[in-house]
Full PDB file with SEQRES, HELIX, SHEET, SSBOND, CRYST1, ORIGX, SCALE, CONECT and MASTER records, all heavy atoms in Angstrom:
SEQRES   1 A   31  ASP LEU ARG GLU ASN ILE ARG GLU SER GLU PRO MET LEU          
SEQRES   2 A   31  ARG GLU ALA ASP VAL ILE SER ILE ASP PHE GLY ALA LEU          
SEQRES   3 A   31  LYS ALA HIS GLU ALA                                          
HELIX    1 AA1 ILE A    6  SER A    9  5                                   4    
HELIX    2 AA2 GLU A   10  ARG A   14  1                                   5    
HELIX    3 AA3 PHE A   23  ALA A   25  5                                   3    
CRYST1    1.000    1.000    1.000  90.00  90.00  90.00 P 1           1          
ORIGX1      1.000000  0.000000  0.000000        0.00000                         
ORIGX2      0.000000  1.000000  0.000000        0.00000                         
ORIGX3      0.000000  0.000000  1.000000        0.00000                         
SCALE1      1.000000  0.000000  0.000000        0.00000                         
SCALE2      0.000000  1.000000  0.000000        0.00000                         
SCALE3      0.000000  0.000000  1.000000        0.00000                         
ATOM      1  N   ASP A   1       5.078  -1.641  -8.347  1.00  0.00           N  
ATOM      2  CA  ASP A   1       4.499  -2.380  -9.470  1.00  0.00           C  
ATOM      3  C   ASP A   1       3.090  -2.871  -9.143  1.00  0.00           C  
ATOM      4  O   ASP A   1       2.204  -2.885 -10.007  1.00  0.00           O  
ATOM      5  CB  ASP A   1       5.387  -3.565  -9.839  1.00  0.00           C  
ATOM      6  CG  ASP A   1       6.742  -3.131 -10.364  1.00  0.00           C  
ATOM      7  OD1 ASP A   1       6.874  -1.965 -10.780  1.00  0.00           O  
ATOM      8  OD2 ASP A   1       7.679  -3.951 -10.354  1.00  0.00           O  
ATOM      9  N   LEU A   2       2.898  -3.289  -7.901  1.00  0.00           N  
ATOM     10  CA  LEU A   2       1.575  -3.745  -7.481  1.00  0.00           C  
ATOM     11  C   LEU A   2       0.558  -2.611  -7.581  1.00  0.00           C  
ATOM     12  O   LEU A   2      -0.561  -2.805  -8.067  1.00  0.00           O  
ATOM     13  CB  LEU A   2       1.649  -4.283  -6.046  1.00  0.00           C  
ATOM     14  CG  LEU A   2       0.406  -4.916  -5.442  1.00  0.00           C  
ATOM     15  CD1 LEU A   2       0.804  -5.961  -4.398  1.00  0.00           C  
ATOM     16  CD2 LEU A   2      -0.505  -3.883  -4.777  1.00  0.00           C  
ATOM     17  N   ARG A   3       0.986  -1.422  -7.134  1.00  0.00           N  
ATOM     18  CA  ARG A   3       0.064  -0.284  -7.162  1.00  0.00           C  
ATOM     19  C   ARG A   3      -0.243   0.150  -8.596  1.00  0.00           C  
ATOM     20  O   ARG A   3      -1.352   0.583  -8.900  1.00  0.00           O  
ATOM     21  CB  ARG A   3       0.665   0.865  -6.352  1.00  0.00           C  
ATOM     22  CG  ARG A   3      -0.201   2.122  -6.316  1.00  0.00           C  
ATOM     23  CD  ARG A   3       0.113   2.939  -5.091  1.00  0.00           C  
ATOM     24  NE  ARG A   3      -0.234   2.218  -3.891  1.00  0.00           N  
ATOM     25  CZ  ARG A   3       0.430   2.317  -2.734  1.00  0.00           C  
ATOM     26  NH1 ARG A   3       1.489   3.108  -2.648  1.00  0.00           N  
ATOM     27  NH2 ARG A   3       0.045   1.642  -1.681  1.00  0.00           N  
ATOM     28  N   GLU A   4       0.732   0.011  -9.476  1.00  0.00           N  
ATOM     29  CA  GLU A   4       0.520   0.386 -10.867  1.00  0.00           C  
ATOM     30  C   GLU A   4      -0.507  -0.511 -11.537  1.00  0.00           C  
ATOM     31  O   GLU A   4      -1.312  -0.061 -12.353  1.00  0.00           O  
ATOM     32  CB  GLU A   4       1.853   0.325 -11.627  1.00  0.00           C  
ATOM     33  CG  GLU A   4       1.752   0.742 -13.078  1.00  0.00           C  
ATOM     34  CD  GLU A   4       3.103   0.705 -13.776  1.00  0.00           C  
ATOM     35  OE1 GLU A   4       4.131   0.522 -13.085  1.00  0.00           O  
ATOM     36  OE2 GLU A   4       3.142   0.856 -15.003  1.00  0.00           O  
ATOM     37  N   ASN A   5      -0.496  -1.810 -11.185  1.00  0.00           N  
ATOM     38  CA  ASN A   5      -1.451  -2.745 -11.774  1.00  0.00           C  
ATOM     39  C   ASN A   5      -1.668  -3.891 -10.793  1.00  0.00           C  
ATOM     40  O   ASN A   5      -0.962  -4.898 -10.821  1.00  0.00           O  
ATOM     41  CB  ASN A   5      -0.940  -3.280 -13.110  1.00  0.00           C  
ATOM     42  CG  ASN A   5      -1.958  -4.186 -13.795  1.00  0.00           C  
ATOM     43  OD1 ASN A   5      -3.083  -4.358 -13.322  1.00  0.00           O  
ATOM     44  ND2 ASN A   5      -1.571  -4.786 -14.911  1.00  0.00           N  
ATOM     45  N   ILE A   6      -2.643  -3.731  -9.912  1.00  0.00           N  
ATOM     46  CA  ILE A   6      -2.856  -4.716  -8.854  1.00  0.00           C  
ATOM     47  C   ILE A   6      -3.271  -6.074  -9.416  1.00  0.00           C  
ATOM     48  O   ILE A   6      -3.076  -7.106  -8.767  1.00  0.00           O  
ATOM     49  CB  ILE A   6      -3.897  -4.193  -7.839  1.00  0.00           C  
ATOM     50  CG1 ILE A   6      -3.829  -5.020  -6.544  1.00  0.00           C  
ATOM     51  CG2 ILE A   6      -5.293  -4.185  -8.441  1.00  0.00           C  
ATOM     52  CD1 ILE A   6      -4.631  -4.424  -5.408  1.00  0.00           C  
ATOM     53  N   ARG A   7      -3.811  -6.110 -10.636  1.00  0.00           N  
ATOM     54  CA  ARG A   7      -4.201  -7.396 -11.221  1.00  0.00           C  
ATOM     55  C   ARG A   7      -3.013  -8.316 -11.461  1.00  0.00           C  
ATOM     56  O   ARG A   7      -3.179  -9.523 -11.587  1.00  0.00           O  
ATOM     57  CB  ARG A   7      -4.964  -7.171 -12.533  1.00  0.00           C  
ATOM     58  CG  ARG A   7      -6.359  -6.589 -12.348  1.00  0.00           C  
ATOM     59  CD  ARG A   7      -7.124  -6.567 -13.669  1.00  0.00           C  
ATOM     60  NE  ARG A   7      -7.342  -7.919 -14.174  1.00  0.00           N  
ATOM     61  CZ  ARG A   7      -8.377  -8.666 -13.839  1.00  0.00           C  
ATOM     62  NH1 ARG A   7      -9.285  -8.213 -12.988  1.00  0.00           N  
ATOM     63  NH2 ARG A   7      -8.526  -9.872 -14.357  1.00  0.00           N  
ATOM     64  N   GLU A   8      -1.805  -7.734 -11.500  1.00  0.00           N  
ATOM     65  CA  GLU A   8      -0.613  -8.571 -11.640  1.00  0.00           C  
ATOM     66  C   GLU A   8      -0.407  -9.484 -10.428  1.00  0.00           C  
ATOM     67  O   GLU A   8       0.290 -10.488 -10.502  1.00  0.00           O  
ATOM     68  CB  GLU A   8       0.627  -7.698 -11.844  1.00  0.00           C  
ATOM     69  CG  GLU A   8       0.804  -7.182 -13.252  1.00  0.00           C  
ATOM     70  CD  GLU A   8       1.028  -8.300 -14.248  1.00  0.00           C  
ATOM     71  OE1 GLU A   8       2.005  -9.062 -14.097  1.00  0.00           O  
ATOM     72  OE2 GLU A   8       0.229  -8.430 -15.181  1.00  0.00           O  
ATOM     73  N   SER A   9      -1.014  -9.123  -9.304  1.00  0.00           N  
ATOM     74  CA  SER A   9      -0.884  -9.940  -8.093  1.00  0.00           C  
ATOM     75  C   SER A   9      -1.788 -11.166  -8.128  1.00  0.00           C  
ATOM     76  O   SER A   9      -1.529 -12.148  -7.425  1.00  0.00           O  
ATOM     77  CB  SER A   9      -1.219  -9.104  -6.859  1.00  0.00           C  
ATOM     78  OG  SER A   9      -2.603  -8.754  -6.850  1.00  0.00           O  
ATOM     79  N   GLU A  10      -2.843 -11.114  -8.930  1.00  0.00           N  
ATOM     80  CA  GLU A  10      -3.849 -12.172  -8.888  1.00  0.00           C  
ATOM     81  C   GLU A  10      -3.295 -13.564  -9.183  1.00  0.00           C  
ATOM     82  O   GLU A  10      -3.584 -14.523  -8.444  1.00  0.00           O  
ATOM     83  CB  GLU A  10      -4.995 -11.820  -9.855  1.00  0.00           C  
ATOM     84  CG  GLU A  10      -6.195 -12.744  -9.750  1.00  0.00           C  
ATOM     85  CD  GLU A  10      -6.063 -13.976 -10.630  1.00  0.00           C  
ATOM     86  OE1 GLU A  10      -5.368 -13.901 -11.674  1.00  0.00           O  
ATOM     87  OE2 GLU A  10      -6.649 -15.018 -10.279  1.00  0.00           O  
ATOM     88  N   PRO A  11      -2.444 -13.756 -10.218  1.00  0.00           N  
ATOM     89  CA  PRO A  11      -1.896 -15.099 -10.446  1.00  0.00           C  
ATOM     90  C   PRO A  11      -1.035 -15.602  -9.288  1.00  0.00           C  
ATOM     91  O   PRO A  11      -1.013 -16.802  -9.010  1.00  0.00           O  
ATOM     92  CB  PRO A  11      -1.057 -14.929 -11.723  1.00  0.00           C  
ATOM     93  CG  PRO A  11      -1.618 -13.724 -12.395  1.00  0.00           C  
ATOM     94  CD  PRO A  11      -2.052 -12.824 -11.290  1.00  0.00           C  
ATOM     95  N   MET A  12      -0.320 -14.700  -8.611  1.00  0.00           N  
ATOM     96  CA  MET A  12       0.529 -15.104  -7.491  1.00  0.00           C  
ATOM     97  C   MET A  12      -0.300 -15.573  -6.300  1.00  0.00           C  
ATOM     98  O   MET A  12       0.168 -16.366  -5.482  1.00  0.00           O  
ATOM     99  CB  MET A  12       1.436 -13.953  -7.067  1.00  0.00           C  
ATOM    100  CG  MET A  12       2.448 -13.533  -8.106  1.00  0.00           C  
ATOM    101  SD  MET A  12       3.577 -12.284  -7.428  1.00  0.00           S  
ATOM    102  CE  MET A  12       4.670 -12.028  -8.826  1.00  0.00           C  
ATOM    103  N   LEU A  13      -1.516 -15.079  -6.203  1.00  0.00           N  
ATOM    104  CA  LEU A  13      -2.413 -15.504  -5.139  1.00  0.00           C  
ATOM    105  C   LEU A  13      -3.222 -16.722  -5.564  1.00  0.00           C  
ATOM    106  O   LEU A  13      -3.492 -17.618  -4.764  1.00  0.00           O  
ATOM    107  CB  LEU A  13      -3.339 -14.344  -4.758  1.00  0.00           C  
ATOM    108  CG  LEU A  13      -2.597 -13.148  -4.166  1.00  0.00           C  
ATOM    109  CD1 LEU A  13      -3.467 -11.898  -4.184  1.00  0.00           C  
ATOM    110  CD2 LEU A  13      -2.129 -13.436  -2.748  1.00  0.00           C  
ATOM    111  N   ARG A  14      -3.567 -16.776  -6.843  1.00  0.00           N  
ATOM    112  CA  ARG A  14      -4.333 -17.916  -7.356  1.00  0.00           C  
ATOM    113  C   ARG A  14      -3.540 -19.216  -7.268  1.00  0.00           C  
ATOM    114  O   ARG A  14      -4.107 -20.288  -7.040  1.00  0.00           O  
ATOM    115  CB  ARG A  14      -4.738 -17.648  -8.806  1.00  0.00           C  
ATOM    116  CG  ARG A  14      -5.666 -18.679  -9.359  1.00  0.00           C  
ATOM    117  CD  ARG A  14      -6.022 -18.528 -10.821  1.00  0.00           C  
ATOM    118  NE  ARG A  14      -5.621 -17.324 -11.471  1.00  0.00           N  
ATOM    119  CZ  ARG A  14      -5.206 -17.276 -12.741  1.00  0.00           C  
ATOM    120  NH1 ARG A  14      -5.086 -18.394 -13.440  1.00  0.00           N  
ATOM    121  NH2 ARG A  14      -4.893 -16.135 -13.304  1.00  0.00           N  
ATOM    122  N   GLU A  15      -2.224 -19.142  -7.444  1.00  0.00           N  
ATOM    123  CA  GLU A  15      -1.419 -20.359  -7.474  1.00  0.00           C  
ATOM    124  C   GLU A  15      -0.918 -20.777  -6.099  1.00  0.00           C  
ATOM    125  O   GLU A  15      -0.292 -21.819  -5.945  1.00  0.00           O  
ATOM    126  CB  GLU A  15      -0.209 -20.153  -8.394  1.00  0.00           C  
ATOM    127  CG  GLU A  15       0.801 -19.145  -7.864  1.00  0.00           C  
ATOM    128  CD  GLU A  15       1.981 -18.927  -8.795  1.00  0.00           C  
ATOM    129  OE1 GLU A  15       2.200 -19.797  -9.662  1.00  0.00           O  
ATOM    130  OE2 GLU A  15       2.676 -17.917  -8.641  1.00  0.00           O  
ATOM    131  N   ALA A  16      -1.210 -19.976  -5.067  1.00  0.00           N  
ATOM    132  CA  ALA A  16      -0.627 -20.231  -3.743  1.00  0.00           C  
ATOM    133  C   ALA A  16      -1.370 -21.335  -2.995  1.00  0.00           C  
ATOM    134  O   ALA A  16      -2.584 -21.481  -3.091  1.00  0.00           O  
ATOM    135  CB  ALA A  16      -0.642 -18.950  -2.917  1.00  0.00           C  
ATOM    136  N   ASP A  17      -0.612 -22.097  -2.221  1.00  0.00           N  
ATOM    137  CA  ASP A  17      -1.177 -23.058  -1.276  1.00  0.00           C  
ATOM    138  C   ASP A  17      -1.327 -22.422   0.104  1.00  0.00           C  
ATOM    139  O   ASP A  17      -2.238 -22.754   0.853  1.00  0.00           O  
ATOM    140  CB  ASP A  17      -0.283 -24.291  -1.173  1.00  0.00           C  
ATOM    141  CG  ASP A  17      -0.151 -25.010  -2.496  1.00  0.00           C  
ATOM    142  OD1 ASP A  17      -1.165 -25.532  -2.985  1.00  0.00           O  
ATOM    143  OD2 ASP A  17       0.963 -25.031  -3.062  1.00  0.00           O  
ATOM    144  N   VAL A  18      -0.389 -21.544   0.437  1.00  0.00           N  
ATOM    145  CA  VAL A  18      -0.430 -20.805   1.702  1.00  0.00           C  
ATOM    146  C   VAL A  18      -0.126 -19.345   1.403  1.00  0.00           C  
ATOM    147  O   VAL A  18       0.800 -19.037   0.647  1.00  0.00           O  
ATOM    148  CB  VAL A  18       0.590 -21.354   2.724  1.00  0.00           C  
ATOM    149  CG1 VAL A  18       0.607 -20.497   3.988  1.00  0.00           C  
ATOM    150  CG2 VAL A  18       0.278 -22.803   3.082  1.00  0.00           C  
ATOM    151  N   ILE A  19      -0.919 -18.433   1.984  1.00  0.00           N  
ATOM    152  CA  ILE A  19      -0.676 -17.003   1.863  1.00  0.00           C  
ATOM    153  C   ILE A  19      -0.463 -16.444   3.261  1.00  0.00           C  
ATOM    154  O   ILE A  19      -1.296 -16.651   4.150  1.00  0.00           O  
ATOM    155  CB  ILE A  19      -1.847 -16.280   1.173  1.00  0.00           C  
ATOM    156  CG1 ILE A  19      -1.962 -16.754  -0.283  1.00  0.00           C  
ATOM    157  CG2 ILE A  19      -1.666 -14.764   1.220  1.00  0.00           C  
ATOM    158  CD1 ILE A  19      -3.160 -16.202  -1.012  1.00  0.00           C  
ATOM    159  N   SER A  20       0.652 -15.756   3.445  1.00  0.00           N  
ATOM    160  CA  SER A  20       1.018 -15.207   4.748  1.00  0.00           C  
ATOM    161  C   SER A  20       1.056 -13.690   4.653  1.00  0.00           C  
ATOM    162  O   SER A  20       1.898 -13.124   3.955  1.00  0.00           O  
ATOM    163  CB  SER A  20       2.386 -15.757   5.177  1.00  0.00           C  
ATOM    164  OG  SER A  20       2.778 -15.241   6.424  1.00  0.00           O  
ATOM    165  N   ILE A  21       0.133 -13.025   5.352  1.00  0.00           N  
ATOM    166  CA  ILE A  21       0.017 -11.573   5.304  1.00  0.00           C  
ATOM    167  C   ILE A  21       0.600 -10.975   6.578  1.00  0.00           C  
ATOM    168  O   ILE A  21       0.123 -11.272   7.675  1.00  0.00           O  
ATOM    169  CB  ILE A  21      -1.451 -11.129   5.159  1.00  0.00           C  
ATOM    170  CG1 ILE A  21      -2.096 -11.774   3.931  1.00  0.00           C  
ATOM    171  CG2 ILE A  21      -1.552  -9.610   5.084  1.00  0.00           C  
ATOM    172  CD1 ILE A  21      -3.598 -11.519   3.822  1.00  0.00           C  
ATOM    173  N   ASP A  22       1.617 -10.151   6.424  1.00  0.00           N  
ATOM    174  CA  ASP A  22       2.157  -9.405   7.555  1.00  0.00           C  
ATOM    175  C   ASP A  22       1.371  -8.111   7.669  1.00  0.00           C  
ATOM    176  O   ASP A  22       1.291  -7.336   6.711  1.00  0.00           O  
ATOM    177  CB  ASP A  22       3.640  -9.117   7.348  1.00  0.00           C  
ATOM    178  CG  ASP A  22       4.315  -8.552   8.591  1.00  0.00           C  
ATOM    179  OD1 ASP A  22       3.697  -7.715   9.280  1.00  0.00           O  
ATOM    180  OD2 ASP A  22       5.460  -8.941   8.863  1.00  0.00           O  
ATOM    181  N   PHE A  23       0.800  -7.856   8.840  1.00  0.00           N  
ATOM    182  CA  PHE A  23      -0.002  -6.643   9.033  1.00  0.00           C  
ATOM    183  C   PHE A  23       0.824  -5.390   8.759  1.00  0.00           C  
ATOM    184  O   PHE A  23       0.289  -4.348   8.381  1.00  0.00           O  
ATOM    185  CB  PHE A  23      -0.543  -6.629  10.465  1.00  0.00           C  
ATOM    186  CG  PHE A  23      -1.688  -5.682  10.685  1.00  0.00           C  
ATOM    187  CD1 PHE A  23      -2.870  -5.814   9.973  1.00  0.00           C  
ATOM    188  CD2 PHE A  23      -1.595  -4.663  11.617  1.00  0.00           C  
ATOM    189  CE1 PHE A  23      -3.937  -4.943  10.184  1.00  0.00           C  
ATOM    190  CE2 PHE A  23      -2.642  -3.793  11.832  1.00  0.00           C  
ATOM    191  CZ  PHE A  23      -3.826  -3.933  11.113  1.00  0.00           C  
ATOM    192  N   GLY A  24       2.145  -5.501   8.924  1.00  0.00           N  
ATOM    193  CA  GLY A  24       3.038  -4.378   8.667  1.00  0.00           C  
ATOM    194  C   GLY A  24       3.198  -4.044   7.205  1.00  0.00           C  
ATOM    195  O   GLY A  24       3.867  -3.066   6.867  1.00  0.00           O  
ATOM    196  N   ALA A  25       2.578  -4.823   6.316  1.00  0.00           N  
ATOM    197  CA  ALA A  25       2.616  -4.497   4.892  1.00  0.00           C  
ATOM    198  C   ALA A  25       1.753  -3.281   4.587  1.00  0.00           C  
ATOM    199  O   ALA A  25       1.909  -2.651   3.542  1.00  0.00           O  
ATOM    200  CB  ALA A  25       2.152  -5.691   4.057  1.00  0.00           C  
ATOM    201  N   LEU A  26       0.842  -2.934   5.506  1.00  0.00           N  
ATOM    202  CA  LEU A  26      -0.048  -1.801   5.292  1.00  0.00           C  
ATOM    203  C   LEU A  26       0.569  -0.516   5.831  1.00  0.00           C  
ATOM    204  O   LEU A  26       1.442  -0.549   6.702  1.00  0.00           O  
ATOM    205  CB  LEU A  26      -1.397  -2.030   5.985  1.00  0.00           C  
ATOM    206  CG  LEU A  26      -2.384  -2.964   5.285  1.00  0.00           C  
ATOM    207  CD1 LEU A  26      -2.063  -4.415   5.575  1.00  0.00           C  
ATOM    208  CD2 LEU A  26      -3.817  -2.655   5.703  1.00  0.00           C  
ATOM    209  N   LYS A  27       0.104   0.608   5.325  1.00  0.00           N  
ATOM    210  CA  LYS A  27       0.518   1.897   5.851  1.00  0.00           C  
ATOM    211  C   LYS A  27       0.201   1.970   7.341  1.00  0.00           C  
ATOM    212  O   LYS A  27      -0.900   1.615   7.766  1.00  0.00           O  
ATOM    213  CB  LYS A  27      -0.213   3.029   5.131  1.00  0.00           C  
ATOM    214  CG  LYS A  27       0.211   3.283   3.697  1.00  0.00           C  
ATOM    215  CD  LYS A  27      -0.682   4.344   3.076  1.00  0.00           C  
ATOM    216  CE  LYS A  27      -0.196   4.733   1.683  1.00  0.00           C  
ATOM    217  NZ  LYS A  27       1.021   5.539   1.727  1.00  0.00           N  
ATOM    218  N   ALA A  28       1.144   2.466   8.141  1.00  0.00           N  
ATOM    219  CA  ALA A  28       0.962   2.469   9.585  1.00  0.00           C  
ATOM    220  C   ALA A  28      -0.253   3.283  10.010  1.00  0.00           C  
ATOM    221  O   ALA A  28      -0.973   2.900  10.940  1.00  0.00           O  
ATOM    222  CB  ALA A  28       2.224   2.996  10.265  1.00  0.00           C  
ATOM    223  N   HIS A  29      -0.506   4.396   9.332  1.00  0.00           N  
ATOM    224  CA  HIS A  29      -1.617   5.235   9.771  1.00  0.00           C  
ATOM    225  C   HIS A  29      -2.969   4.639   9.405  1.00  0.00           C  
ATOM    226  O   HIS A  29      -4.001   5.023   9.964  1.00  0.00           O  
ATOM    227  CB  HIS A  29      -1.477   6.658   9.197  1.00  0.00           C  
ATOM    228  CG  HIS A  29      -1.877   6.793   7.764  1.00  0.00           C  
ATOM    229  ND1 HIS A  29      -0.989   6.566   6.733  1.00  0.00           N  
ATOM    230  CD2 HIS A  29      -3.065   7.120   7.185  1.00  0.00           C  
ATOM    231  CE1 HIS A  29      -1.615   6.764   5.578  1.00  0.00           C  
ATOM    232  NE2 HIS A  29      -2.865   7.093   5.817  1.00  0.00           N  
ATOM    233  N   GLU A  30      -2.987   3.689   8.472  1.00  0.00           N  
ATOM    234  CA  GLU A  30      -4.233   3.024   8.114  1.00  0.00           C  
ATOM    235  C   GLU A  30      -4.440   1.748   8.918  1.00  0.00           C  
ATOM    236  O   GLU A  30      -5.564   1.232   8.977  1.00  0.00           O  
ATOM    237  CB  GLU A  30      -4.256   2.687   6.622  1.00  0.00           C  
ATOM    238  CG  GLU A  30      -4.289   3.903   5.720  1.00  0.00           C  
ATOM    239  CD  GLU A  30      -4.965   3.626   4.397  1.00  0.00           C  
ATOM    240  OE1 GLU A  30      -5.341   2.473   4.134  1.00  0.00           O  
ATOM    241  OE2 GLU A  30      -5.131   4.583   3.620  1.00  0.00           O  
ATOM    242  N   ALA A  31      -3.372   1.230   9.512  1.00  0.00           N  
ATOM    243  CA  ALA A  31      -3.455  -0.046  10.213  1.00  0.00           C  
ATOM    244  C   ALA A  31      -2.673   0.022  11.521  1.00  0.00           C  
ATOM    245  O   ALA A  31      -1.589  -0.548  11.639  1.00  0.00           O  
ATOM    246  CB  ALA A  31      -2.922  -1.163   9.317  1.00  0.00           C  
TER     247      ALA A  31                                                      
MASTER        0    0    0    3    0    0    0    6  246    1    0    3          
END                                                                             
């Protein structure tokens, strides 16, 4: 769903107090 419309993620990030990014969320060959 995120890939279909990445703008849908923007409100979830705008409303956050803390954002935790796991490096493993990325494709292994790119990261």
